[in-house]
Amino acid sequence: MTEVKVRVGNVTRQRYEQLVAQAKDLIAQVSRAQFALGDMALEIEPMRPVGGSMPHGTEDLFTVAESLQIFADDIGGSGTLALFTRADSTCAGVWAALEALQKSNSS
């Protein structure tokens, strides 16, 4: 018969299970936040053909990168974050499927 460990690292099995549940909640919150930020970035700069309609900007229009950098600066994030969350939102169907699979595996 296999012996059940009563501790994981320095914590009891019960505390470990609590920490796992809290970590899963945090991961879900981060995922939702990334999608929401990506949706906002897509509203500011919708997906267009490569280069967009104004790839070099104009006197009164920003480039995609400039617009998203302004957005990132104003919300206290990095421009890279805004660009990646925008790209992530375009793959929302894939991420939703992965999240559903993860939930079904944890049941």
N, C-alpha and C. Protein backbone atom coordinates (compact mmCIF):
# COMPACT_ATOMS: atom_id res chain seq x y z
N MET A 1 0.84 -1.17 0.00
CA MET A 1 0.00 0.00 0.00
C MET A 1 0.90 1.24 0.00
N THR A 2 0.50 2.26 -0.79
CA THR A 2 1.27 3.49 -0.87
C THR A 2 0.95 4.39 0.31
N GLU A 3 1.99 4.90 0.93
CA GLU A 3 1.82 5.79 2.08
C GLU A 3 1.46 7.19 1.58
N VAL A 4 0.43 7.80 2.14
CA VAL A 4 0.02 9.15 1.77
C VAL A 4 0.85 10.14 2.59
N LYS A 5 1.50 11.05 1.89
CA LYS A 5 2.32 12.06 2.57
C LYS A 5 1.38 13.06 3.26
N VAL A 6 1.74 13.44 4.48
CA VAL A 6 0.92 14.39 5.22
C VAL A 6 1.41 15.82 5.05
N ARG A 7 2.61 15.98 4.45
CA ARG A 7 3.16 17.31 4.23
C ARG A 7 3.64 17.42 2.80
N VAL A 8 3.53 18.62 2.28
CA VAL A 8 4.13 18.94 0.98
C VAL A 8 5.07 20.09 1.26
N GLY A 9 6.34 19.84 1.11
CA GLY A 9 7.31 20.85 1.49
C GLY A 9 7.22 21.11 2.98
N ASN A 10 6.98 22.36 3.32
CA ASN A 10 6.94 22.75 4.72
C ASN A 10 5.51 22.94 5.23
N VAL A 11 4.51 22.57 4.43
CA VAL A 11 3.11 22.80 4.84
C VAL A 11 2.36 21.47 4.89
N THR A 12 1.28 21.48 5.66
CA THR A 12 0.43 20.30 5.72
C THR A 12 -0.27 20.11 4.39
N ARG A 13 -0.76 18.91 4.15
CA ARG A 13 -1.50 18.61 2.91
C ARG A 13 -2.72 19.53 2.80
N GLN A 14 -3.40 19.78 3.92
CA GLN A 14 -4.58 20.66 3.91
C GLN A 14 -4.20 22.08 3.49
N ARG A 15 -3.13 22.61 4.07
CA ARG A 15 -2.69 23.97 3.71
C ARG A 15 -2.24 24.00 2.26
N TYR A 16 -1.57 22.95 1.82
CA TYR A 16 -1.14 22.86 0.42
C TYR A 16 -2.35 22.96 -0.51
N GLU A 17 -3.42 22.23 -0.21
CA GLU A 17 -4.63 22.26 -1.04
C GLU A 17 -5.23 23.67 -1.05
N GLN A 18 -5.20 24.36 0.09
CA GLN A 18 -5.69 25.74 0.14
C GLN A 18 -4.86 26.64 -0.77
N LEU A 19 -3.54 26.48 -0.72
CA LEU A 19 -2.64 27.28 -1.55
C LEU A 19 -2.87 27.01 -3.04
N VAL A 20 -3.09 25.75 -3.39
CA VAL A 20 -3.37 25.39 -4.78
C VAL A 20 -4.65 26.08 -5.24
N ALA A 21 -5.69 26.03 -4.42
CA ALA A 21 -6.96 26.67 -4.79
C ALA A 21 -6.79 28.18 -4.96
N GLN A 22 -6.06 28.81 -4.05
CA GLN A 22 -5.81 30.26 -4.17
C GLN A 22 -5.01 30.58 -5.42
N ALA A 23 -4.02 29.76 -5.72
CA ALA A 23 -3.19 30.00 -6.91
C ALA A 23 -4.02 29.86 -8.18
N LYS A 24 -4.92 28.89 -8.24
CA LYS A 24 -5.79 28.72 -9.40
C LYS A 24 -6.69 29.94 -9.58
N ASP A 25 -7.20 30.46 -8.48
CA ASP A 25 -8.03 31.68 -8.55
C ASP A 25 -7.23 32.86 -9.09
N LEU A 26 -6.00 33.00 -8.62
CA LEU A 26 -5.15 34.10 -9.10
C LEU A 26 -4.84 33.96 -10.59
N ILE A 27 -4.56 32.75 -11.02
CA ILE A 27 -4.29 32.51 -12.44
C ILE A 27 -5.51 32.87 -13.28
N ALA A 28 -6.69 32.50 -12.81
CA ALA A 28 -7.93 32.83 -13.52
C ALA A 28 -8.13 34.35 -13.60
N GLN A 29 -7.82 35.05 -12.50
CA GLN A 29 -7.95 36.51 -12.49
C GLN A 29 -6.99 37.15 -13.49
N VAL A 30 -5.76 36.65 -13.54
CA VAL A 30 -4.76 37.18 -14.47
C VAL A 30 -5.23 36.95 -15.91
N SER A 31 -5.74 35.77 -16.17
CA SER A 31 -6.22 35.45 -17.51
C SER A 31 -7.35 36.39 -17.92
N ARG A 32 -8.31 36.60 -17.01
CA ARG A 32 -9.42 37.51 -17.32
C ARG A 32 -8.93 38.93 -17.54
N ALA A 33 -7.97 39.36 -16.74
CA ALA A 33 -7.42 40.71 -16.88
C ALA A 33 -6.70 40.86 -18.22
N GLN A 34 -5.94 39.84 -18.63
CA GLN A 34 -5.24 39.92 -19.90
C GLN A 34 -6.23 40.02 -21.07
N PHE A 35 -7.29 39.24 -21.03
CA PHE A 35 -8.29 39.32 -22.09
C PHE A 35 -8.97 40.69 -22.10
N ALA A 36 -9.30 41.21 -20.93
CA ALA A 36 -9.95 42.52 -20.86
C ALA A 36 -9.03 43.61 -21.40
N LEU A 37 -7.75 43.58 -21.02
CA LEU A 37 -6.79 44.56 -21.53
C LEU A 37 -6.63 44.42 -23.05
N GLY A 38 -6.57 43.19 -23.51
CA GLY A 38 -6.46 42.95 -24.95
C GLY A 38 -7.66 43.47 -25.70
N ASP A 39 -8.86 43.27 -25.15
CA ASP A 39 -10.07 43.78 -25.79
C ASP A 39 -10.05 45.31 -25.85
N MET A 40 -9.57 45.94 -24.78
CA MET A 40 -9.48 47.40 -24.77
C MET A 40 -8.47 47.88 -25.82
N ALA A 41 -7.33 47.19 -25.89
CA ALA A 41 -6.32 47.55 -26.88
C ALA A 41 -6.86 47.36 -28.30
N LEU A 42 -7.65 46.31 -28.51
CA LEU A 42 -8.25 46.09 -29.83
C LEU A 42 -9.27 47.17 -30.17
N GLU A 43 -9.94 47.68 -29.17
CA GLU A 43 -10.88 48.78 -29.42
C GLU A 43 -10.12 50.04 -29.84
N ILE A 44 -8.99 50.28 -29.18
CA ILE A 44 -8.16 51.45 -29.52
C ILE A 44 -7.55 51.28 -30.90
N GLU A 45 -7.01 50.10 -31.17
CA GLU A 45 -6.35 49.80 -32.44
C GLU A 45 -6.83 48.45 -32.96
N PRO A 46 -7.92 48.45 -33.73
CA PRO A 46 -8.42 47.18 -34.28
C PRO A 46 -7.38 46.52 -35.20
N MET A 47 -7.50 45.22 -35.35
CA MET A 47 -6.61 44.49 -36.25
C MET A 47 -6.88 44.94 -37.68
N ARG A 48 -5.81 45.14 -38.42
CA ARG A 48 -5.89 45.56 -39.81
C ARG A 48 -4.86 44.76 -40.60
N PRO A 49 -4.86 44.92 -41.93
CA PRO A 49 -3.80 44.27 -42.70
C PRO A 49 -2.43 44.73 -42.18
N VAL A 50 -1.41 43.96 -42.47
CA VAL A 50 -0.06 44.28 -42.00
C VAL A 50 0.26 45.74 -42.29
N GLY A 51 0.71 46.42 -41.26
CA GLY A 51 1.04 47.83 -41.39
C GLY A 51 -0.12 48.75 -41.09
N GLY A 52 -1.35 48.24 -41.15
CA GLY A 52 -2.52 49.07 -40.88
C GLY A 52 -2.73 50.12 -41.94
N SER A 53 -3.71 50.96 -41.72
CA SER A 53 -4.03 51.98 -42.72
C SER A 53 -3.05 53.14 -42.66
N MET A 54 -2.38 53.32 -41.53
CA MET A 54 -1.40 54.40 -41.37
C MET A 54 -0.13 53.83 -40.74
N PRO A 55 0.62 53.01 -41.48
CA PRO A 55 1.77 52.35 -40.87
C PRO A 55 2.83 53.30 -40.33
N HIS A 56 2.89 54.52 -40.87
CA HIS A 56 3.92 55.46 -40.41
C HIS A 56 3.31 56.64 -39.66
N GLY A 57 2.02 56.58 -39.42
CA GLY A 57 1.35 57.66 -38.71
C GLY A 57 1.28 58.92 -39.59
N THR A 58 0.66 59.92 -39.05
CA THR A 58 0.61 61.23 -39.71
C THR A 58 0.72 62.26 -38.61
N GLU A 59 0.58 63.49 -39.00
CA GLU A 59 0.68 64.55 -38.00
C GLU A 59 -0.40 64.43 -36.93
N ASP A 60 -1.60 63.99 -37.32
CA ASP A 60 -2.69 63.91 -36.35
C ASP A 60 -3.09 62.48 -35.99
N LEU A 61 -2.42 61.47 -36.56
CA LEU A 61 -2.72 60.07 -36.22
C LEU A 61 -1.45 59.37 -35.75
N PHE A 62 -1.62 58.54 -34.74
CA PHE A 62 -0.50 57.76 -34.22
C PHE A 62 -0.39 56.44 -34.96
N THR A 63 0.77 55.83 -34.92
CA THR A 63 0.90 54.45 -35.39
C THR A 63 0.28 53.53 -34.35
N VAL A 64 0.08 52.26 -34.71
CA VAL A 64 -0.45 51.29 -33.76
C VAL A 64 0.44 51.22 -32.52
N ALA A 65 1.73 51.09 -32.75
CA ALA A 65 2.67 50.99 -31.62
C ALA A 65 2.59 52.23 -30.74
N GLU A 66 2.51 53.41 -31.35
CA GLU A 66 2.44 54.65 -30.56
C GLU A 66 1.15 54.71 -29.74
N SER A 67 0.03 54.35 -30.38
CA SER A 67 -1.26 54.38 -29.66
C SER A 67 -1.23 53.44 -28.47
N LEU A 68 -0.72 52.23 -28.69
CA LEU A 68 -0.70 51.25 -27.60
C LEU A 68 0.32 51.62 -26.53
N GLN A 69 1.40 52.28 -26.92
CA GLN A 69 2.37 52.74 -25.93
C GLN A 69 1.74 53.83 -25.05
N ILE A 70 0.98 54.73 -25.64
CA ILE A 70 0.29 55.77 -24.87
C ILE A 70 -0.68 55.12 -23.88
N PHE A 71 -1.46 54.15 -24.39
CA PHE A 71 -2.41 53.42 -23.54
C PHE A 71 -1.67 52.75 -22.38
N ALA A 72 -0.59 52.04 -22.70
CA ALA A 72 0.18 51.35 -21.66
C ALA A 72 0.74 52.33 -20.63
N ASP A 73 1.27 53.46 -21.11
CA ASP A 73 1.82 54.46 -20.19
C ASP A 73 0.73 55.01 -19.27
N ASP A 74 -0.45 55.27 -19.84
CA ASP A 74 -1.53 55.85 -19.06
C ASP A 74 -2.11 54.90 -18.01
N ILE A 75 -2.02 53.60 -18.27
CA ILE A 75 -2.54 52.64 -17.28
C ILE A 75 -1.43 52.09 -16.39
N GLY A 76 -0.19 52.53 -16.64
CA GLY A 76 0.92 52.11 -15.78
C GLY A 76 1.53 50.78 -16.17
N GLY A 77 1.33 50.35 -17.39
CA GLY A 77 1.92 49.09 -17.86
C GLY A 77 3.01 49.36 -18.86
N SER A 78 3.50 48.30 -19.46
CA SER A 78 4.53 48.46 -20.49
C SER A 78 3.90 48.36 -21.87
N GLY A 79 4.52 48.98 -22.85
CA GLY A 79 4.02 48.90 -24.22
C GLY A 79 4.00 47.47 -24.71
N THR A 80 4.98 46.71 -24.29
CA THR A 80 5.03 45.31 -24.67
C THR A 80 3.81 44.57 -24.16
N LEU A 81 3.40 44.87 -22.92
CA LEU A 81 2.21 44.24 -22.36
C LEU A 81 0.99 44.54 -23.21
N ALA A 82 0.81 45.80 -23.60
CA ALA A 82 -0.34 46.16 -24.41
C ALA A 82 -0.33 45.46 -25.75
N LEU A 83 0.84 45.37 -26.37
CA LEU A 83 0.94 44.70 -27.66
C LEU A 83 0.63 43.22 -27.54
N PHE A 84 1.16 42.57 -26.49
CA PHE A 84 0.91 41.15 -26.33
C PHE A 84 -0.54 40.86 -25.96
N THR A 85 -1.14 41.68 -25.11
CA THR A 85 -2.53 41.43 -24.74
C THR A 85 -3.43 41.66 -25.95
N ARG A 86 -3.06 42.61 -26.81
CA ARG A 86 -3.83 42.83 -28.04
C ARG A 86 -3.74 41.60 -28.93
N ALA A 87 -2.55 41.07 -29.07
CA ALA A 87 -2.36 39.86 -29.88
C ALA A 87 -3.08 38.67 -29.25
N ASP A 88 -3.02 38.57 -27.93
CA ASP A 88 -3.69 37.46 -27.24
C ASP A 88 -5.20 37.48 -27.48
N SER A 89 -5.78 38.66 -27.53
CA SER A 89 -7.22 38.76 -27.71
C SER A 89 -7.65 38.22 -29.07
N THR A 90 -6.77 38.28 -30.04
CA THR A 90 -7.13 37.76 -31.36
C THR A 90 -7.16 36.24 -31.34
N CYS A 91 -6.61 35.64 -30.32
CA CYS A 91 -6.60 34.17 -30.18
C CYS A 91 -7.55 33.73 -29.08
N ALA A 92 -8.55 34.53 -28.79
CA ALA A 92 -9.43 34.26 -27.65
C ALA A 92 -10.11 32.90 -27.74
N GLY A 93 -10.48 32.48 -28.93
CA GLY A 93 -11.13 31.19 -29.08
C GLY A 93 -10.24 30.05 -28.62
N VAL A 94 -8.98 30.12 -28.96
CA VAL A 94 -8.04 29.08 -28.55
C VAL A 94 -7.88 29.09 -27.04
N TRP A 95 -7.72 30.27 -26.47
CA TRP A 95 -7.54 30.36 -25.02
C TRP A 95 -8.78 29.89 -24.27
N ALA A 96 -9.95 30.22 -24.78
CA ALA A 96 -11.19 29.78 -24.13
C ALA A 96 -11.28 28.26 -24.15
N ALA A 97 -10.89 27.65 -25.26
CA ALA A 97 -10.90 26.19 -25.35
C ALA A 97 -9.92 25.58 -24.36
N LEU A 98 -8.74 26.18 -24.24
CA LEU A 98 -7.74 25.68 -23.29
C LEU A 98 -8.23 25.82 -21.86
N GLU A 99 -8.88 26.94 -21.56
CA GLU A 99 -9.39 27.15 -20.21
C GLU A 99 -10.48 26.13 -19.88
N ALA A 100 -11.35 25.85 -20.85
CA ALA A 100 -12.40 24.85 -20.63
C ALA A 100 -11.80 23.48 -20.41
N LEU A 101 -10.76 23.16 -21.16
CA LEU A 101 -10.07 21.88 -20.99
C LEU A 101 -9.44 21.79 -19.60
N GLN A 102 -8.82 22.90 -19.18
CA GLN A 102 -8.18 22.92 -17.86
C GLN A 102 -9.22 22.70 -16.76
N LYS A 103 -10.39 23.35 -16.91
CA LYS A 103 -11.44 23.18 -15.91
C LYS A 103 -11.95 21.74 -15.87
N SER A 104 -12.09 21.13 -17.06
CA SER A 104 -12.59 19.75 -17.10
C SER A 104 -11.57 18.78 -16.51
N ASN A 105 -10.28 19.09 -16.65
CA ASN A 105 -9.25 18.24 -16.08
C ASN A 105 -9.15 18.37 -14.58
N SER A 106 -9.55 19.54 -14.05
CA SER A 106 -9.42 19.74 -12.60
C SER A 106 -10.63 19.19 -11.85
N SER A 107 -11.68 18.82 -12.56
CA SER A 107 -12.89 18.28 -11.90
C SER A 107 -12.72 16.86 -11.50
